[in-house]
PDB file of all heavy atoms in Angstrom:
ATOM      1  N   ALA A   1       0.838  -1.203  -0.006  1.00  0.00           N
ATOM      2  CA  ALA A   1       0.008   0.004  -0.001  1.00  0.00           C
ATOM      3  C   ALA A   1       0.869   1.262   0.004  1.00  0.00           C
ATOM      4  O   ALA A   1       0.597   2.210  -0.763  1.00  0.00           O
ATOM      5  CB  ALA A   1      -0.946  -0.004   1.209  1.00  0.00           C
ATOM      6  N   SER A   2       1.908   1.261   0.816  1.00  0.00           N
ATOM      7  CA  SER A   2       2.785   2.453   0.865  1.00  0.00           C
ATOM      8  C   SER A   2       3.507   2.675  -0.452  1.00  0.00           C
ATOM      9  O   SER A   2       3.596   3.803  -0.917  1.00  0.00           O
ATOM     10  CB  SER A   2       3.800   2.249   1.997  1.00  0.00           C
ATOM     11  OG  SER A   2       4.715   3.317   2.062  1.00  0.00           O
ATOM     12  N   THR A   3       4.003   1.608  -1.072  1.00  0.00           N
ATOM     13  CA  THR A   3       4.721   1.742  -2.330  1.00  0.00           C
ATOM     14  C   THR A   3       3.826   2.210  -3.442  1.00  0.00           C
ATOM     15  O   THR A   3       4.171   3.140  -4.201  1.00  0.00           O
ATOM     16  CB  THR A   3       5.361   0.377  -2.695  1.00  0.00           C
ATOM     17  OG1 THR A   3       6.212  -0.036  -1.634  1.00  0.00           O
ATOM     18  CG2 THR A   3       6.189   0.534  -3.974  1.00  0.00           C
ATOM     19  N   TRP A   4       2.649   1.604  -3.564  1.00  0.00           N
ATOM     20  CA  TRP A   4       1.761   1.986  -4.648  1.00  0.00           C
ATOM     21  C   TRP A   4       1.163   3.380  -4.476  1.00  0.00           C
ATOM     22  O   TRP A   4       0.950   4.086  -5.481  1.00  0.00           O
ATOM     23  CB  TRP A   4       0.642   0.960  -4.787  1.00  0.00           C
ATOM     24  CG  TRP A   4       1.030  -0.206  -5.625  1.00  0.00           C
ATOM     25  CD1 TRP A   4       1.262  -1.485  -5.228  1.00  0.00           C
ATOM     26  CD2 TRP A   4       1.286  -0.197  -7.047  1.00  0.00           C
ATOM     27  NE1 TRP A   4       1.590  -2.267  -6.286  1.00  0.00           N
ATOM     28  CE2 TRP A   4       1.638  -1.492  -7.426  1.00  0.00           C
ATOM     29  CE3 TRP A   4       1.229   0.784  -8.005  1.00  0.00           C
ATOM     30  CZ2 TRP A   4       1.938  -1.850  -8.716  1.00  0.00           C
ATOM     31  CZ3 TRP A   4       1.537   0.450  -9.320  1.00  0.00           C
ATOM     32  CH2 TRP A   4       1.899  -0.831  -9.666  1.00  0.00           C
ATOM     33  N   VAL A   5       0.921   3.814  -3.263  1.00  0.00           N
ATOM     34  CA  VAL A   5       0.406   5.173  -3.046  1.00  0.00           C
ATOM     35  C   VAL A   5       1.440   6.185  -3.531  1.00  0.00           C
ATOM     36  O   VAL A   5       1.128   7.155  -4.207  1.00  0.00           O
ATOM     37  CB  VAL A   5       0.038   5.390  -1.580  1.00  0.00           C
ATOM     38  CG1 VAL A   5      -0.120   6.881  -1.285  1.00  0.00           C
ATOM     39  CG2 VAL A   5      -1.265   4.702  -1.264  1.00  0.00           C
ATOM     40  N   LYS A   6       2.693   5.934  -3.176  1.00  0.00           N
ATOM     41  CA  LYS A   6       3.780   6.884  -3.595  1.00  0.00           C
ATOM     42  C   LYS A   6       3.916   6.900  -5.094  1.00  0.00           C
ATOM     43  O   LYS A   6       4.009   7.938  -5.744  1.00  0.00           O
ATOM     44  CB  LYS A   6       5.080   6.485  -2.914  1.00  0.00           C
ATOM     45  CG  LYS A   6       5.127   6.735  -1.418  1.00  0.00           C
ATOM     46  CD  LYS A   6       6.446   6.301  -0.835  1.00  0.00           C
ATOM     47  CE  LYS A   6       6.616   6.705   0.624  1.00  0.00           C
ATOM     48  NZ  LYS A   6       5.567   6.154   1.492  1.00  0.00           N
ATOM     49  N   ALA A   7       3.955   5.711  -5.722  1.00  0.00           N
ATOM     50  CA  ALA A   7       4.156   5.622  -7.160  1.00  0.00           C
ATOM     51  C   ALA A   7       2.967   6.212  -7.941  1.00  0.00           C
ATOM     52  O   ALA A   7       3.145   6.993  -8.883  1.00  0.00           O
ATOM     53  CB  ALA A   7       4.397   4.193  -7.567  1.00  0.00           C
ATOM     54  N   LEU A   8       1.763   5.838  -7.548  1.00  0.00           N
ATOM     55  CA  LEU A   8       0.566   6.316  -8.265  1.00  0.00           C
ATOM     56  C   LEU A   8       0.298   7.778  -8.063  1.00  0.00           C
ATOM     57  O   LEU A   8      -0.238   8.454  -8.926  1.00  0.00           O
ATOM     58  CB  LEU A   8      -0.646   5.477  -7.846  1.00  0.00           C
ATOM     59  CG  LEU A   8      -0.654   4.010  -8.266  1.00  0.00           C
ATOM     60  CD1 LEU A   8      -1.862   3.261  -7.674  1.00  0.00           C
ATOM     61  CD2 LEU A   8      -0.673   3.882  -9.787  1.00  0.00           C
ATOM     62  N   THR A   9       0.710   8.327  -6.897  1.00  0.00           N
ATOM     63  CA  THR A   9       0.559   9.762  -6.659  1.00  0.00           C
ATOM     64  C   THR A   9       1.426  10.546  -7.627  1.00  0.00           C
ATOM     65  O   THR A   9       1.012  11.573  -8.187  1.00  0.00           O
ATOM     66  CB  THR A   9       0.880  10.115  -5.206  1.00  0.00           C
ATOM     67  OG1 THR A   9       0.009   9.414  -4.332  1.00  0.00           O
ATOM     68  CG2 THR A   9       0.752  11.606  -4.975  1.00  0.00           C
ATOM     69  N   LEU A  10       2.676  10.092  -7.819  1.00  0.00           N
ATOM     70  CA  LEU A  10       3.567  10.756  -8.760  1.00  0.00           C
ATOM     71  C   LEU A  10       3.009  10.705 -10.174  1.00  0.00           C
ATOM     72  O   LEU A  10       3.033  11.694 -10.921  1.00  0.00           O
ATOM     73  CB  LEU A  10       4.948  10.088  -8.726  1.00  0.00           C
ATOM     74  CG  LEU A  10       5.735  10.183  -7.431  1.00  0.00           C
ATOM     75  CD1 LEU A  10       7.018   9.370  -7.497  1.00  0.00           C
ATOM     76  CD2 LEU A  10       6.079  11.632  -7.097  1.00  0.00           C
ATOM     77  N   ILE A  11       2.475   9.547 -10.563  1.00  0.00           N
ATOM     78  CA  ILE A  11       1.896   9.398 -11.899  1.00  0.00           C
ATOM     79  C   ILE A  11       0.660  10.289 -12.059  1.00  0.00           C
ATOM     80  O   ILE A  11       0.450  10.942 -13.098  1.00  0.00           O
ATOM     81  CB  ILE A  11       1.552   7.931 -12.171  1.00  0.00           C
ATOM     82  CG1 ILE A  11       2.834   7.091 -12.219  1.00  0.00           C
ATOM     83  CG2 ILE A  11       0.771   7.752 -13.477  1.00  0.00           C
ATOM     84  CD1 ILE A  11       2.579   5.615 -12.369  1.00  0.00           C
ATOM     85  N   ASN A  12      -0.200  10.331 -11.042  1.00  0.00           N
ATOM     86  CA  ASN A  12      -1.416  11.103 -11.131  1.00  0.00           C
ATOM     87  C   ASN A  12      -1.136  12.622 -11.215  1.00  0.00           C
ATOM     88  O   ASN A  12      -1.830  13.325 -11.942  1.00  0.00           O
ATOM     89  CB  ASN A  12      -2.281  10.846  -9.894  1.00  0.00           C
ATOM     90  CG  ASN A  12      -3.692  11.461 -10.011  1.00  0.00           C
ATOM     91  OD1 ASN A  12      -4.399  11.220 -10.967  1.00  0.00           O
ATOM     92  ND2 ASN A  12      -4.028  12.284  -9.040  1.00  0.00           N
ATOM     93  N   TYR A  13      -0.103  13.097 -10.518  1.00  0.00           N
ATOM     94  CA  TYR A  13       0.280  14.517 -10.628  1.00  0.00           C
ATOM     95  C   TYR A  13       0.650  14.866 -12.063  1.00  0.00           C
ATOM     96  O   TYR A  13       0.193  15.871 -12.611  1.00  0.00           O
ATOM     97  CB  TYR A  13       1.432  14.832  -9.701  1.00  0.00           C
ATOM     98  CG  TYR A  13       1.043  14.936  -8.225  1.00  0.00           C
ATOM     99  CD1 TYR A  13       1.999  14.792  -7.227  1.00  0.00           C
ATOM    100  CD2 TYR A  13      -0.302  15.186  -7.840  1.00  0.00           C
ATOM    101  CE1 TYR A  13       1.622  14.878  -5.870  1.00  0.00           C
ATOM    102  CE2 TYR A  13      -0.624  15.286  -6.526  1.00  0.00           C
ATOM    103  CZ  TYR A  13       0.328  15.117  -5.524  1.00  0.00           C
ATOM    104  OH  TYR A  13      -0.025  15.210  -4.218  1.00  0.00           O
ATOM    105  N   ARG A  14       1.459  14.002 -12.682  1.00  0.00           N
ATOM    106  CA  ARG A  14       1.885  14.302 -14.064  1.00  0.00           C
ATOM    107  C   ARG A  14       0.700  14.192 -15.028  1.00  0.00           C
ATOM    108  O   ARG A  14       0.571  14.975 -15.956  1.00  0.00           O
ATOM    109  CB  ARG A  14       2.972  13.315 -14.481  1.00  0.00           C
ATOM    110  CG  ARG A  14       4.268  13.405 -13.688  1.00  0.00           C
ATOM    111  CD  ARG A  14       4.747  14.811 -13.516  1.00  0.00           C
ATOM    112  NE  ARG A  14       6.103  14.920 -13.037  1.00  0.00           N
ATOM    113  CZ  ARG A  14       6.475  14.728 -11.785  1.00  0.00           C
ATOM    114  NH1 ARG A  14       5.586  14.359 -10.884  1.00  0.00           N
ATOM    115  NH2 ARG A  14       7.728  14.871 -11.422  1.00  0.00           N
ATOM    116  N   SER A  15      -0.173  13.226 -14.795  1.00  0.00           N
ATOM    117  CA  SER A  15      -1.342  13.069 -15.677  1.00  0.00           C
ATOM    118  C   SER A  15      -2.254  14.290 -15.584  1.00  0.00           C
ATOM    119  O   SER A  15      -2.778  14.749 -16.604  1.00  0.00           O
ATOM    120  CB  SER A  15      -2.117  11.824 -15.244  1.00  0.00           C
ATOM    121  OG  SER A  15      -3.270  11.645 -16.076  1.00  0.00           O
ATOM    122  N   THR A  16      -2.397  14.874 -14.391  1.00  0.00           N
ATOM    123  CA  THR A  16      -3.217  16.082 -14.234  1.00  0.00           C
ATOM    124  C   THR A  16      -2.607  17.260 -14.983  1.00  0.00           C
ATOM    125  O   THR A  16      -3.297  18.056 -15.616  1.00  0.00           O
ATOM    126  CB  THR A  16      -3.382  16.410 -12.767  1.00  0.00           C
ATOM    127  OG1 THR A  16      -3.944  15.280 -12.087  1.00  0.00           O
ATOM    128  CG2 THR A  16      -4.303  17.601 -12.580  1.00  0.00           C
ATOM    129  N   ILE A  17      -1.250  17.378 -14.926  1.00  0.00           N
ATOM    130  CA  ILE A  17      -0.579  18.468 -15.592  1.00  0.00           C
ATOM    131  C   ILE A  17      -0.747  18.369 -17.110  1.00  0.00           C
ATOM    132  O   ILE A  17      -0.983  19.347 -17.809  1.00  0.00           O
ATOM    133  CB  ILE A  17       0.898  18.484 -15.225  1.00  0.00           C
ATOM    134  CG1 ILE A  17       1.071  18.864 -13.737  1.00  0.00           C
ATOM    135  CG2 ILE A  17       1.687  19.460 -16.091  1.00  0.00           C
ATOM    136  CD1 ILE A  17       2.490  18.744 -13.245  1.00  0.00           C
ATOM    137  N   LEU A  18      -0.680  17.154 -17.633  1.00  0.00           N
ATOM    138  CA  LEU A  18      -0.745  16.944 -19.083  1.00  0.00           C
ATOM    139  C   LEU A  18      -2.140  17.180 -19.610  1.00  0.00           C
ATOM    140  O   LEU A  18      -2.336  17.268 -20.857  1.00  0.00           O
ATOM    141  CB  LEU A  18      -0.286  15.540 -19.437  1.00  0.00           C
ATOM    142  CG  LEU A  18       1.160  15.192 -19.102  1.00  0.00           C
ATOM    143  CD1 LEU A  18       1.491  13.790 -19.535  1.00  0.00           C
ATOM    144  CD2 LEU A  18       2.113  16.217 -19.724  1.00  0.00           C
ATOM    145  N   GLN A  19      -3.145  17.247 -18.751  1.00  0.00           N
ATOM    146  CA  GLN A  19      -4.527  17.491 -19.210  1.00  0.00           C
ATOM    147  C   GLN A  19      -4.861  18.964 -19.322  1.00  0.00           C
ATOM    148  O   GLN A  19      -5.968  19.326 -19.730  1.00  0.00           O
ATOM    149  CB  GLN A  19      -5.520  16.827 -18.260  1.00  0.00           C
ATOM    150  CG  GLN A  19      -5.439  15.292 -18.270  1.00  0.00           C
ATOM    151  CD  GLN A  19      -6.416  14.678 -17.304  1.00  0.00           C
ATOM    152  OE1 GLN A  19      -7.582  14.987 -17.270  1.00  0.00           O
ATOM    153  NE2 GLN A  19      -5.910  13.760 -16.458  1.00  0.00           N
ATOM    154  N   THR A  20      -3.940  19.851 -18.962  1.00  0.00           N
ATOM    155  CA  THR A  20      -4.164  21.284 -19.062  1.00  0.00           C
ATOM    156  C   THR A  20      -4.221  21.692 -20.533  1.00  0.00           C
ATOM    157  O   THR A  20      -3.613  21.038 -21.402  1.00  0.00           O
ATOM    158  CB  THR A  20      -3.074  22.095 -18.361  1.00  0.00           C
ATOM    159  OG1 THR A  20      -1.777  21.720 -18.886  1.00  0.00           O
ATOM    160  CG2 THR A  20      -3.093  21.784 -16.859  1.00  0.00           C
ATOM    161  N   ILE A  21      -4.910  22.783 -20.805  1.00  0.00           N
ATOM    162  CA  ILE A  21      -5.147  23.216 -22.203  1.00  0.00           C
ATOM    163  C   ILE A  21      -3.847  23.633 -22.873  1.00  0.00           C
ATOM    164  O   ILE A  21      -3.630  23.325 -24.040  1.00  0.00           O
ATOM    165  CB  ILE A  21      -6.153  24.348 -22.210  1.00  0.00           C
ATOM    166  CG1 ILE A  21      -7.508  23.850 -21.694  1.00  0.00           C
ATOM    167  CG2 ILE A  21      -6.341  24.918 -23.616  1.00  0.00           C
ATOM    168  CD1 ILE A  21      -8.567  24.953 -21.607  1.00  0.00           C
ATOM    169  N   GLU A  22      -2.949  24.327 -22.158  1.00  0.00           N
ATOM    170  CA  GLU A  22      -1.761  24.904 -22.773  1.00  0.00           C
ATOM    171  C   GLU A  22      -0.568  23.950 -22.726  1.00  0.00           C
ATOM    172  O   GLU A  22       0.562  24.386 -23.043  1.00  0.00           O
ATOM    173  CB  GLU A  22      -1.396  26.217 -22.096  1.00  0.00           C
ATOM    174  CG  GLU A  22      -2.473  27.320 -22.283  1.00  0.00           C
ATOM    175  CD  GLU A  22      -2.044  28.619 -21.692  1.00  0.00           C
ATOM    176  OE1 GLU A  22      -0.926  28.660 -21.113  1.00  0.00           O
ATOM    177  OE2 GLU A  22      -2.775  29.616 -21.824  1.00  0.00           O
ATOM    178  N   ALA A  23      -0.756  22.710 -22.343  1.00  0.00           N
ATOM    179  CA  ALA A  23       0.358  21.761 -22.303  1.00  0.00           C
ATOM    180  C   ALA A  23       0.830  21.414 -23.734  1.00  0.00           C
ATOM    181  O   ALA A  23       0.017  21.090 -24.574  1.00  0.00           O
ATOM    182  CB  ALA A  23      -0.051  20.498 -21.546  1.00  0.00           C
ATOM    183  N   THR A  24       2.125  21.492 -23.963  1.00  0.00           N
ATOM    184  CA  THR A  24       2.695  21.185 -25.273  1.00  0.00           C
ATOM    185  C   THR A  24       3.632  19.966 -25.077  1.00  0.00           C
ATOM    186  O   THR A  24       3.876  19.494 -23.975  1.00  0.00           O
ATOM    187  CB  THR A  24       3.465  22.353 -25.851  1.00  0.00           C
ATOM    188  OG1 THR A  24       4.378  22.890 -24.867  1.00  0.00           O
ATOM    189  CG2 THR A  24       2.515  23.472 -26.268  1.00  0.00           C
ATOM    190  N   VAL A  25       4.181  19.485 -26.210  1.00  0.00           N
ATOM    191  CA  VAL A  25       4.990  18.280 -26.173  1.00  0.00           C
ATOM    192  C   VAL A  25       6.217  18.444 -25.342  1.00  0.00           C
ATOM    193  O   VAL A  25       6.688  17.491 -24.668  1.00  0.00           O
ATOM    194  CB  VAL A  25       5.320  17.839 -27.623  1.00  0.00           C
ATOM    195  CG1 VAL A  25       6.286  16.650 -27.622  1.00  0.00           C
ATOM    196  CG2 VAL A  25       4.047  17.467 -28.374  1.00  0.00           C
TER     197      VAL A  25
END
């Protein structure tokens, strides 16, 4: 649980950033 929460939180933060309108490659 501790490992997956840390890993998935990092992934979810980046996924949220990439969903912004002005995000480019």
